[in-house]
């Protein structure tokens, strides 16, 4: 969630001010989500089932991707607070309120 990322970046900047040097932190939930998980969460967020088609994995597609945020928790005291449902509902709410994106027209 963008709010979690903002808090994580703020925590990393505060840590940098303490002279920690350049450190890479993963800022994620530590939970992997499938495409089907995303479809279901966005369906719930928008209030209707979204159409989808199950197809074979494409060449180069990885089976699983997720981050280990334990270093951010240990050194920054940061942990993601919001999950997939909040990410999708907030995204849907923003898109609904801003159908032209950031465009002023």
PDB file of N, CA and C in Angstrom:
ATOM      1  N   UNK A   1       0.851  -1.178   0.000  1.00  0.00           N
ATOM      2  CA  UNK A   1       0.000   0.000   0.000  1.00  0.00           C
ATOM      3  C   UNK A   1       0.893   1.236   0.000  1.00  0.00           C
ATOM      4  N   UNK A   2       0.472   2.247  -0.731  1.00  0.00           N
ATOM      5  CA  UNK A   2       1.288   3.456  -0.862  1.00  0.00           C
ATOM      6  C   UNK A   2       1.544   4.121   0.498  1.00  0.00           C
ATOM      7  N   UNK A   3       0.600   4.026   1.410  1.00  0.00           N
ATOM      8  CA  UNK A   3       0.792   4.611   2.743  1.00  0.00           C
ATOM      9  C   UNK A   3       1.906   3.862   3.488  1.00  0.00           C
ATOM     10  N   UNK A   4       1.895   2.537   3.408  1.00  0.00           N
ATOM     11  CA  UNK A   4       2.960   1.754   4.033  1.00  0.00           C
ATOM     12  C   UNK A   4       4.319   2.104   3.420  1.00  0.00           C
ATOM     13  N   UNK A   5       4.357   2.247   2.097  1.00  0.00           N
ATOM     14  CA  UNK A   5       5.619   2.601   1.440  1.00  0.00           C
ATOM     15  C   UNK A   5       6.116   3.968   1.881  1.00  0.00           C
ATOM     16  N   UNK A   6       5.218   4.926   1.988  1.00  0.00           N
ATOM     17  CA  UNK A   6       5.611   6.269   2.447  1.00  0.00           C
ATOM     18  C   UNK A   6       6.189   6.206   3.857  1.00  0.00           C
ATOM     19  N   UNK A   7       5.549   5.459   4.729  1.00  0.00           N
ATOM     20  CA  UNK A   7       6.055   5.324   6.104  1.00  0.00           C
ATOM     21  C   UNK A   7       7.408   4.619   6.129  1.00  0.00           C
ATOM     22  N   UNK A   8       7.573   3.601   5.281  1.00  0.00           N
ATOM     23  CA  UNK A   8       8.843   2.882   5.207  1.00  0.00           C
ATOM     24  C   UNK A   8       9.964   3.754   4.692  1.00  0.00           C
ATOM     25  N   UNK A   9       9.675   4.558   3.663  1.00  0.00           N
ATOM     26  CA  UNK A   9      10.697   5.469   3.136  1.00  0.00           C
ATOM     27  C   UNK A   9      11.063   6.537   4.167  1.00  0.00           C
ATOM     28  N   UNK A  10      10.085   7.028   4.885  1.00  0.00           N
ATOM     29  CA  UNK A  10      10.356   8.010   5.941  1.00  0.00           C
ATOM     30  C   UNK A  10      11.256   7.403   7.015  1.00  0.00           C
ATOM     31  N   UNK A  11      10.948   6.170   7.421  1.00  0.00           N
ATOM     32  CA  UNK A  11      11.772   5.491   8.424  1.00  0.00           C
ATOM     33  C   UNK A  11      13.198   5.294   7.922  1.00  0.00           C
ATOM     34  N   UNK A  12      13.353   4.966   6.633  1.00  0.00           N
ATOM     35  CA  UNK A  12      14.690   4.762   6.065  1.00  0.00           C
ATOM     36  C   UNK A  12      15.468   6.074   6.013  1.00  0.00           C
ATOM     37  N   UNK A  13      14.795   7.167   5.682  1.00  0.00           N
ATOM     38  CA  UNK A  13      15.467   8.474   5.663  1.00  0.00           C
ATOM     39  C   UNK A  13      15.909   8.894   7.061  1.00  0.00           C
ATOM     40  N   UNK A  14      15.076   8.632   8.050  1.00  0.00           N
ATOM     41  CA  UNK A  14      15.452   8.948   9.434  1.00  0.00           C
ATOM     42  C   UNK A  14      16.659   8.116   9.860  1.00  0.00           C
ATOM     43  N   UNK A  15      16.676   6.865   9.456  1.00  0.00           N
ATOM     44  CA  UNK A  15      17.805   5.990   9.773  1.00  0.00           C
ATOM     45  C   UNK A  15      19.082   6.491   9.082  1.00  0.00           C
ATOM     46  N   UNK A  16      18.950   6.941   7.850  1.00  0.00           N
ATOM     47  CA  UNK A  16      20.091   7.457   7.099  1.00  0.00           C
ATOM     48  C   UNK A  16      20.700   8.668   7.793  1.00  0.00           C
ATOM     49  N   UNK A  17      19.867   9.497   8.396  1.00  0.00           N
ATOM     50  CA  UNK A  17      20.364  10.667   9.134  1.00  0.00           C
ATOM     51  C   UNK A  17      21.218  10.269  10.330  1.00  0.00           C
ATOM     52  N   UNK A  18      21.050   9.052  10.803  1.00  0.00           N
ATOM     53  CA  UNK A  18      21.830   8.560  11.936  1.00  0.00           C
ATOM     54  C   UNK A  18      23.202   8.046  11.496  1.00  0.00           C
ATOM     55  N   UNK A  19      23.491   8.160  10.184  1.00  0.00           N
ATOM     56  CA  UNK A  19      24.795   7.743   9.692  1.00  0.00           C
ATOM     57  C   UNK A  19      24.898   6.258   9.396  1.00  0.00           C
ATOM     58  N   UNK A  20      23.800   5.623   9.081  1.00  0.00           N
ATOM     59  CA  UNK A  20      23.812   4.179   8.835  1.00  0.00           C
ATOM     60  C   UNK A  20      24.439   3.807   7.505  1.00  0.00           C
ATOM     61  N   UNK A  21      24.642   4.786   6.621  1.00  0.00           N
ATOM     62  CA  UNK A  21      25.165   4.482   5.292  1.00  0.00           C
ATOM     63  C   UNK A  21      24.061   3.977   4.390  1.00  0.00           C
ATOM     64  N   UNK A  22      24.444   3.544   3.219  1.00  0.00           N
ATOM     65  CA  UNK A  22      23.477   3.088   2.225  1.00  0.00           C
ATOM     66  C   UNK A  22      23.098   1.630   2.500  1.00  0.00           C
ATOM     67  N   UNK A  23      21.844   1.409   2.790  1.00  0.00           N
ATOM     68  CA  UNK A  23      21.329   0.065   3.086  1.00  0.00           C
ATOM     69  C   UNK A  23      20.085  -0.141   2.238  1.00  0.00           C
ATOM     70  N   UNK A  24      19.931  -1.328   1.702  1.00  0.00           N
ATOM     71  CA  UNK A  24      18.732  -1.660   0.934  1.00  0.00           C
ATOM     72  C   UNK A  24      17.738  -2.372   1.837  1.00  0.00           C
ATOM     73  N   UNK A  25      16.521  -1.849   1.874  1.00  0.00           N
ATOM     74  CA  UNK A  25      15.446  -2.455   2.664  1.00  0.00           C
ATOM     75  C   UNK A  25      14.316  -2.866   1.733  1.00  0.00           C
ATOM     76  N   UNK A  26      13.803  -4.061   1.926  1.00  0.00           N
ATOM     77  CA  UNK A  26      12.601  -4.481   1.226  1.00  0.00           C
ATOM     78  C   UNK A  26      11.403  -3.966   2.016  1.00  0.00           C
ATOM     79  N   UNK A  27      10.527  -3.264   1.344  1.00  0.00           N
ATOM     80  CA  UNK A  27       9.317  -2.744   1.980  1.00  0.00           C
ATOM     81  C   UNK A  27       8.116  -3.455   1.372  1.00  0.00           C
ATOM     82  N   UNK A  28       7.765  -4.555   1.946  1.00  0.00           N
ATOM     83  CA  UNK A  28       6.636  -5.343   1.456  1.00  0.00           C
ATOM     84  C   UNK A  28       5.933  -6.004   2.614  1.00  0.00           C
ATOM     85  N   UNK A  29       4.904  -6.731   2.294  1.00  0.00           N
ATOM     86  CA  UNK A  29       4.140  -7.423   3.330  1.00  0.00           C
ATOM     87  C   UNK A  29       4.791  -8.739   3.730  1.00  0.00           C
ATOM     88  N   UNK A  30       5.660  -9.262   2.871  1.00  0.00           N
ATOM     89  CA  UNK A  30       6.236 -10.578   3.121  1.00  0.00           C
ATOM     90  C   UNK A  30       5.302 -11.689   2.710  1.00  0.00           C
ATOM     91  N   UNK A  31       4.173 -11.320   2.106  1.00  0.00           N
ATOM     92  CA  UNK A  31       3.177 -12.295   1.655  1.00  0.00           C
ATOM     93  C   UNK A  31       3.091 -12.210   0.139  1.00  0.00           C
ATOM     94  N   UNK A  32       3.209 -13.342  -0.523  1.00  0.00           N
ATOM     95  CA  UNK A  32       3.056 -13.368  -1.973  1.00  0.00           C
ATOM     96  C   UNK A  32       1.586 -13.485  -2.347  1.00  0.00           C
ATOM     97  N   UNK A  33       1.178 -12.754  -3.375  1.00  0.00           N
ATOM     98  CA  UNK A  33      -0.200 -12.820  -3.867  1.00  0.00           C
ATOM     99  C   UNK A  33      -0.198 -13.307  -5.301  1.00  0.00           C
ATOM    100  N   UNK A  34      -1.141 -14.168  -5.628  1.00  0.00           N
ATOM    101  CA  UNK A  34      -1.274 -14.651  -6.999  1.00  0.00           C
ATOM    102  C   UNK A  34      -2.093 -13.658  -7.814  1.00  0.00           C
ATOM    103  N   UNK A  35      -2.058 -13.817  -9.125  1.00  0.00           N
ATOM    104  CA  UNK A  35      -2.888 -12.990  -9.998  1.00  0.00           C
ATOM    105  C   UNK A  35      -4.353 -13.209  -9.643  1.00  0.00           C
ATOM    106  N   UNK A  36      -4.724 -14.446  -9.351  1.00  0.00           N
ATOM    107  CA  UNK A  36      -6.115 -14.736  -8.976  1.00  0.00           C
ATOM    108  C   UNK A  36      -6.479 -14.049  -7.657  1.00  0.00           C
ATOM    109  N   UNK A  37      -5.549 -13.978  -6.717  1.00  0.00           N
ATOM    110  CA  UNK A  37      -5.792 -13.220  -5.479  1.00  0.00           C
ATOM    111  C   UNK A  37      -6.092 -11.759  -5.811  1.00  0.00           C
ATOM    112  N   UNK A  38      -5.333 -11.203  -6.751  1.00  0.00           N
ATOM    113  CA  UNK A  38      -5.538  -9.807  -7.159  1.00  0.00           C
ATOM    114  C   UNK A  38      -6.903  -9.625  -7.815  1.00  0.00           C
ATOM    115  N   UNK A  39      -7.265 -10.536  -8.703  1.00  0.00           N
ATOM    116  CA  UNK A  39      -8.571 -10.451  -9.379  1.00  0.00           C
ATOM    117  C   UNK A  39      -9.689 -10.492  -8.347  1.00  0.00           C
ATOM    118  N   UNK A  40      -9.595 -11.399  -7.397  1.00  0.00           N
ATOM    119  CA  UNK A  40     -10.632 -11.518  -6.360  1.00  0.00           C
ATOM    120  C   UNK A  40     -10.699 -10.270  -5.483  1.00  0.00           C
ATOM    121  N   UNK A  41      -9.552  -9.727  -5.127  1.00  0.00           N
ATOM    122  CA  UNK A  41      -9.536  -8.529  -4.278  1.00  0.00           C
ATOM    123  C   UNK A  41     -10.088  -7.321  -5.019  1.00  0.00           C
ATOM    124  N   UNK A  42      -9.733  -7.160  -6.306  1.00  0.00           N
ATOM    125  CA  UNK A  42     -10.292  -6.049  -7.082  1.00  0.00           C
ATOM    126  C   UNK A  42     -11.774  -6.260  -7.352  1.00  0.00           C
ATOM    127  N   UNK A  43     -12.211  -7.497  -7.524  1.00  0.00           N
ATOM    128  CA  UNK A  43     -13.644  -7.773  -7.685  1.00  0.00           C
ATOM    129  C   UNK A  43     -14.410  -7.332  -6.444  1.00  0.00           C
ATOM    130  N   UNK A  44     -13.875  -7.645  -5.286  1.00  0.00           N
ATOM    131  CA  UNK A  44     -14.514  -7.224  -4.033  1.00  0.00           C
ATOM    132  C   UNK A  44     -14.518  -5.709  -3.916  1.00  0.00           C
ATOM    133  N   UNK A  45     -13.415  -5.076  -4.311  1.00  0.00           N
ATOM    134  CA  UNK A  45     -13.290  -3.623  -4.187  1.00  0.00           C
ATOM    135  C   UNK A  45     -14.279  -2.892  -5.087  1.00  0.00           C
ATOM    136  N   UNK A  46     -14.482  -3.393  -6.309  1.00  0.00           N
ATOM    137  CA  UNK A  46     -15.359  -2.689  -7.244  1.00  0.00           C
ATOM    138  C   UNK A  46     -16.806  -3.157  -7.159  1.00  0.00           C
ATOM    139  N   UNK A  47     -17.047  -4.231  -6.426  1.00  0.00           N
ATOM    140  CA  UNK A  47     -18.418  -4.666  -6.197  1.00  0.00           C
ATOM    141  C   UNK A  47     -19.008  -5.590  -7.239  1.00  0.00           C
ATOM    142  N   UNK A  48     -18.193  -6.097  -8.149  1.00  0.00           N
ATOM    143  CA  UNK A  48     -18.695  -7.091  -9.096  1.00  0.00           C
ATOM    144  C   UNK A  48     -17.556  -7.976  -9.577  1.00  0.00           C
ATOM    145  N   UNK A  49     -17.924  -9.157 -10.057  1.00  0.00           N
ATOM    146  CA  UNK A  49     -16.906 -10.089 -10.530  1.00  0.00           C
ATOM    147  C   UNK A  49     -16.240  -9.550 -11.784  1.00  0.00           C
ATOM    148  N   UNK A  50     -14.929  -9.599 -11.808  1.00  0.00           N
ATOM    149  CA  UNK A  50     -14.171  -9.190 -12.981  1.00  0.00           C
ATOM    150  C   UNK A  50     -13.916 -10.420 -13.856  1.00  0.00           C
ATOM    151  N   UNK A  51     -14.087 -10.287 -15.152  1.00  0.00           N
ATOM    152  CA  UNK A  51     -13.839 -11.437 -16.034  1.00  0.00           C
ATOM    153  C   UNK A  51     -12.340 -11.743 -16.101  1.00  0.00           C
ATOM    154  N   UNK A  52     -12.021 -13.000 -16.193  1.00  0.00           N
ATOM    155  CA  UNK A  52     -10.629 -13.411 -16.349  1.00  0.00           C
ATOM    156  C   UNK A  52     -10.585 -14.756 -17.045  1.00  0.00           C
ATOM    157  N   UNK A  53      -9.420 -15.080 -17.531  1.00  0.00           N
ATOM    158  CA  UNK A  53      -9.204 -16.345 -18.219  1.00  0.00           C
ATOM    159  C   UNK A  53      -7.937 -16.980 -17.674  1.00  0.00           C
ATOM    160  N   UNK A  54      -8.030 -18.240 -17.303  1.00  0.00           N
ATOM    161  CA  UNK A  54      -6.848 -18.970 -16.841  1.00  0.00           C
ATOM    162  C   UNK A  54      -6.082 -19.437 -18.082  1.00  0.00           C
ATOM    163  N   UNK A  55      -4.808 -19.098 -18.147  1.00  0.00           N
ATOM    164  CA  UNK A  55      -3.979 -19.455 -19.287  1.00  0.00           C
ATOM    165  C   UNK A  55      -2.642 -19.978 -18.781  1.00  0.00           C
ATOM    166  N   UNK A  56      -1.910 -20.674 -19.620  1.00  0.00           N
ATOM    167  CA  UNK A  56      -0.594 -21.174 -19.200  1.00  0.00           C
ATOM    168  C   UNK A  56       0.364 -20.028 -18.890  1.00  0.00           C
ATOM    169  N   UNK A  57       1.305 -20.302 -18.036  1.00  0.00           N
ATOM    170  CA  UNK A  57       2.339 -19.326 -17.710  1.00  0.00           C
ATOM    171  C   UNK A  57       3.138 -19.016 -18.970  1.00  0.00           C
ATOM    172  N   UNK A  58       3.493 -17.759 -19.112  1.00  0.00           N
ATOM    173  CA  UNK A  58       4.285 -17.326 -20.262  1.00  0.00           C
ATOM    174  C   UNK A  58       5.764 -17.611 -20.010  1.00  0.00           C
ATOM    175  N   UNK A  59       6.538 -17.790 -21.077  1.00  0.00           N
ATOM    176  CA  UNK A  59       7.983 -17.972 -20.886  1.00  0.00           C
ATOM    177  C   UNK A  59       8.563 -16.772 -20.128  1.00  0.00           C
ATOM    178  N   UNK A  60       9.350 -17.058 -19.113  1.00  0.00           N
ATOM    179  CA  UNK A  60       9.969 -15.986 -18.338  1.00  0.00           C
ATOM    180  C   UNK A  60       9.188 -15.588 -17.098  1.00  0.00           C
ATOM    181  N   UNK A  61       7.905 -15.978 -17.014  1.00  0.00           N
ATOM    182  CA  UNK A  61       7.125 -15.675 -15.815  1.00  0.00           C
ATOM    183  C   UNK A  61       7.689 -16.461 -14.635  1.00  0.00           C
ATOM    184  N   UNK A  62       7.869 -15.790 -13.521  1.00  0.00           N
ATOM    185  CA  UNK A  62       8.354 -16.480 -12.326  1.00  0.00           C
ATOM    186  C   UNK A  62       7.164 -17.039 -11.562  1.00  0.00           C
ATOM    187  N   UNK A  63       7.397 -18.096 -10.830  1.00  0.00           N
ATOM    188  CA  UNK A  63       6.315 -18.758 -10.110  1.00  0.00           C
ATOM    189  C   UNK A  63       5.887 -17.968  -8.875  1.00  0.00           C
ATOM    190  N   UNK A  64       6.843 -17.413  -8.153  1.00  0.00           N
ATOM    191  CA  UNK A  64       6.544 -16.735  -6.890  1.00  0.00           C
ATOM    192  C   UNK A  64       7.506 -15.565  -6.715  1.00  0.00           C
ATOM    193  N   UNK A  65       6.969 -14.418  -6.266  1.00  0.00           N
ATOM    194  CA  UNK A  65       7.802 -13.262  -5.943  1.00  0.00           C
ATOM    195  C   UNK A  65       7.216 -12.586  -4.711  1.00  0.00           C
ATOM    196  N   UNK A  66       8.008 -12.404  -3.706  1.00  0.00           N
ATOM    197  CA  UNK A  66       7.619 -11.632  -2.537  1.00  0.00           C
ATOM    198  C   UNK A  66       8.890 -11.191  -1.833  1.00  0.00           C
ATOM    199  N   UNK A  67       8.764 -10.175  -0.998  1.00  0.00           N
ATOM    200  CA  UNK A  67       9.955  -9.633  -0.345  1.00  0.00           C
ATOM    201  C   UNK A  67      10.006 -10.048   1.125  1.00  0.00           C
ATOM    202  N   UNK A  68      11.210 -10.105   1.635  1.00  0.00           N
ATOM    203  CA  UNK A  68      11.435 -10.371   3.053  1.00  0.00           C
ATOM    204  C   UNK A  68      11.723  -9.022   3.708  1.00  0.00           C
ATOM    205  N   UNK A  69      10.773  -8.524   4.455  1.00  0.00           N
ATOM    206  CA  UNK A  69      10.913  -7.196   5.069  1.00  0.00           C
ATOM    207  C   UNK A  69      11.448  -7.258   6.498  1.00  0.00           C
ATOM    208  N   UNK A  70      12.061  -8.374   6.876  1.00  0.00           N
ATOM    209  CA  UNK A  70      12.519  -8.523   8.257  1.00  0.00           C
ATOM    210  C   UNK A  70      13.633  -7.537   8.613  1.00  0.00           C
ATOM    211  N   UNK A  71      14.497  -7.169   7.670  1.00  0.00           N
ATOM    212  CA  UNK A  71      15.544  -6.189   7.962  1.00  0.00           C
ATOM    213  C   UNK A  71      14.929  -4.817   8.247  1.00  0.00           C
ATOM    214  N   UNK A  72      13.909  -4.448   7.484  1.00  0.00           N
ATOM    215  CA  UNK A  72      13.218  -3.173   7.729  1.00  0.00           C
ATOM    216  C   UNK A  72      12.561  -3.194   9.107  1.00  0.00           C
ATOM    217  N   UNK A  73      12.014  -4.323   9.494  1.00  0.00           N
ATOM    218  CA  UNK A  73      11.400  -4.430  10.822  1.00  0.00           C
ATOM    219  C   UNK A  73      12.463  -4.301  11.917  1.00  0.00           C
ATOM    220  N   UNK A  74      13.584  -4.986  11.735  1.00  0.00           N
ATOM    221  CA  UNK A  74      14.632  -4.996  12.763  1.00  0.00           C
ATOM    222  C   UNK A  74      15.345  -3.650  12.885  1.00  0.00           C
ATOM    223  N   UNK A  75      15.681  -3.039  11.754  1.00  0.00           N
ATOM    224  CA  UNK A  75      16.495  -1.818  11.798  1.00  0.00           C
ATOM    225  C   UNK A  75      15.690  -0.525  11.766  1.00  0.00           C
ATOM    226  N   UNK A  76      14.516  -0.569  11.169  1.00  0.00           N
ATOM    227  CA  UNK A  76      13.713   0.654  11.040  1.00  0.00           C
ATOM    228  C   UNK A  76      12.495   0.667  11.950  1.00  0.00           C
ATOM    229  N   UNK A  77      12.175  -0.502  12.501  1.00  0.00           N
ATOM    230  CA  UNK A  77      10.943  -0.605  13.275  1.00  0.00           C
ATOM    231  C   UNK A  77       9.712  -0.481  12.385  1.00  0.00           C
ATOM    232  N   UNK A  78       9.860  -0.828  11.097  1.00  0.00           N
ATOM    233  CA  UNK A  78       8.792  -0.678  10.117  1.00  0.00           C
ATOM    234  C   UNK A  78       8.191  -2.025   9.763  1.00  0.00           C
ATOM    235  N   UNK A  79       6.876  -2.043   9.636  1.00  0.00           N
ATOM    236  CA  UNK A  79       6.173  -3.228   9.175  1.00  0.00           C
ATOM    237  C   UNK A  79       4.948  -2.768   8.410  1.00  0.00           C
ATOM    238  N   UNK A  80       4.647  -3.425   7.300  1.00  0.00           N
ATOM    239  CA  UNK A  80       3.439  -3.102   6.532  1.00  0.00           C
ATOM    240  C   UNK A  80       2.217  -3.319   7.425  1.00  0.00           C
ATOM    241  N   UNK A  81       1.317  -2.365   7.403  1.00  0.00           N
ATOM    242  CA  UNK A  81       0.111  -2.444   8.231  1.00  0.00           C
ATOM    243  C   UNK A  81      -1.134  -2.788   7.420  1.00  0.00           C
ATOM    244  N   UNK A  82      -1.082  -2.556   6.121  1.00  0.00           N
ATOM    245  CA  UNK A  82      -2.261  -2.744   5.279  1.00  0.00           C
ATOM    246  C   UNK A  82      -2.049  -3.928   4.338  1.00  0.00           C
ATOM    247  N   UNK A  83      -3.130  -4.625   4.025  1.00  0.00           N
ATOM    248  CA  UNK A  83      -3.035  -5.817   3.194  1.00  0.00           C
ATOM    249  C   UNK A  83      -3.617  -5.620   1.808  1.00  0.00           C
ATOM    250  N   UNK A  84      -3.747  -6.716   1.102  1.00  0.00           N
ATOM    251  CA  UNK A  84      -4.208  -6.695  -0.282  1.00  0.00           C
ATOM    252  C   UNK A  84      -5.593  -6.072  -0.422  1.00  0.00           C
ATOM    253  N   UNK A  85      -6.492  -6.386   0.475  1.00  0.00           N
ATOM    254  CA  UNK A  85      -7.850  -5.847   0.384  1.00  0.00           C
ATOM    255  C   UNK A  85      -7.845  -4.323   0.459  1.00  0.00           C
ATOM    256  N   UNK A  86      -7.061  -3.765   1.384  1.00  0.00           N
ATOM    257  CA  UNK A  86      -6.971  -2.311   1.502  1.00  0.00           C
ATOM    258  C   UNK A  86      -6.287  -1.695   0.280  1.00  0.00           C
ATOM    259  N   UNK A  87      -5.259  -2.367  -0.222  1.00  0.00           N
ATOM    260  CA  UNK A  87      -4.566  -1.870  -1.418  1.00  0.00           C
ATOM    261  C   UNK A  87      -5.540  -1.751  -2.587  1.00  0.00           C
ATOM    262  N   UNK A  88      -6.312  -2.794  -2.814  1.00  0.00           N
ATOM    263  CA  UNK A  88      -7.228  -2.804  -3.950  1.00  0.00           C
ATOM    264  C   UNK A  88      -8.401  -1.855  -3.741  1.00  0.00           C
ATOM    265  N   UNK A  89      -8.955  -1.801  -2.539  1.00  0.00           N
ATOM    266  CA  UNK A  89     -10.095  -0.904  -2.316  1.00  0.00           C
ATOM    267  C   UNK A  89      -9.677   0.561  -2.409  1.00  0.00           C
ATOM    268  N   UNK A  90      -8.503   0.898  -1.903  1.00  0.00           N
ATOM    269  CA  UNK A  90      -8.030   2.279  -2.017  1.00  0.00           C
ATOM    270  C   UNK A  90      -7.677   2.626  -3.461  1.00  0.00           C
ATOM    271  N   UNK A  91      -7.107   1.679  -4.190  1.00  0.00           N
ATOM    272  CA  UNK A  91      -6.816   1.905  -5.608  1.00  0.00           C
ATOM    273  C   UNK A  91      -8.108   2.123  -6.382  1.00  0.00           C
ATOM    274  N   UNK A  92      -9.109   1.272  -6.150  1.00  0.00           N
ATOM    275  CA  UNK A  92     -10.396   1.417  -6.840  1.00  0.00           C
ATOM    276  C   UNK A  92     -11.068   2.739  -6.481  1.00  0.00           C
ATOM    277  N   UNK A  93     -11.005   3.132  -5.235  1.00  0.00           N
ATOM    278  CA  UNK A  93     -11.601   4.400  -4.809  1.00  0.00           C
ATOM    279  C   UNK A  93     -10.916   5.579  -5.518  1.00  0.00           C
ATOM    280  N   UNK A  94      -9.584   5.543  -5.618  1.00  0.00           N
ATOM    281  CA  UNK A  94      -8.854   6.635  -6.274  1.00  0.00           C
ATOM    282  C   UNK A  94      -9.195   6.668  -7.767  1.00  0.00           C
ATOM    283  N   UNK A  95      -9.185   5.509  -8.433  1.00  0.00           N
ATOM    284  CA  UNK A  95      -9.494   5.453  -9.852  1.00  0.00           C
ATOM    285  C   UNK A  95     -10.925   5.949 -10.112  1.00  0.00           C
ATOM    286  N   UNK A  96     -11.856   5.568  -9.255  1.00  0.00           N
ATOM    287  CA  UNK A  96     -13.254   5.998  -9.417  1.00  0.00           C
ATOM    288  C   UNK A  96     -13.385   7.512  -9.268  1.00  0.00           C
ATOM    289  N   UNK A  97     -12.617   8.076  -8.360  1.00  0.00           N
ATOM    290  CA  UNK A  97     -12.682   9.519  -8.129  1.00  0.00           C
ATOM    291  C   UNK A  97     -11.857  10.306  -9.148  1.00  0.00           C
ATOM    292  N   UNK A  98     -10.941   9.645  -9.833  1.00  0.00           N
ATOM    293  CA  UNK A  98     -10.034  10.302 -10.792  1.00  0.00           C
ATOM    294  C   UNK A  98      -9.972   9.508 -12.090  1.00  0.00           C
ATOM    295  N   UNK A  99     -11.081   9.442 -12.838  1.00  0.00           N
ATOM    296  CA  UNK A  99     -11.109   8.596 -14.044  1.00  0.00           C
ATOM    297  C   UNK A  99     -10.096   9.005 -15.110  1.00  0.00           C
ATOM    298  N   UNK A 100      -9.621  10.233 -15.075  1.00  0.00           N
ATOM    299  CA  UNK A 100      -8.607  10.686 -16.025  1.00  0.00           C
ATOM    300  C   UNK A 100      -7.206  10.673 -15.418  1.00  0.00           C
ATOM    301  N   UNK A 101      -7.048   9.983 -14.316  1.00  0.00           N
ATOM    302  CA  UNK A 101      -5.741   9.924 -13.651  1.00  0.00           C
ATOM    303  C   UNK A 101      -5.361  11.276 -13.093  1.00  0.00           C
ATOM    304  N   UNK A 102      -4.116  11.648 -13.305  1.00  0.00           N
ATOM    305  CA  UNK A 102      -3.629  12.926 -12.791  1.00  0.00           C
ATOM    306  C   UNK A 102      -3.932  14.076 -13.739  1.00  0.00           C
ATOM    307  N   UNK A 103      -4.545  13.770 -14.867  1.00  0.00           N
ATOM    308  CA  UNK A 103      -4.891  14.811 -15.846  1.00  0.00           C
ATOM    309  C   UNK A 103      -5.849  15.821 -15.249  1.00  0.00           C
ATOM    310  N   UNK A 104      -5.657  17.073 -15.582  1.00  0.00           N
ATOM    311  CA  UNK A 104      -6.538  18.125 -15.043  1.00  0.00           C
ATOM    312  C   UNK A 104      -7.776  18.302 -15.915  1.00  0.00           C
ATOM    313  N   UNK A 105      -7.845  17.605 -17.057  1.00  0.00           N
ATOM    314  CA  UNK A 105      -9.003  17.740 -17.938  1.00  0.00           C
ATOM    315  C   UNK A 105     -10.061  16.699 -17.657  1.00  0.00           C
TER     316      UNK A 105
END
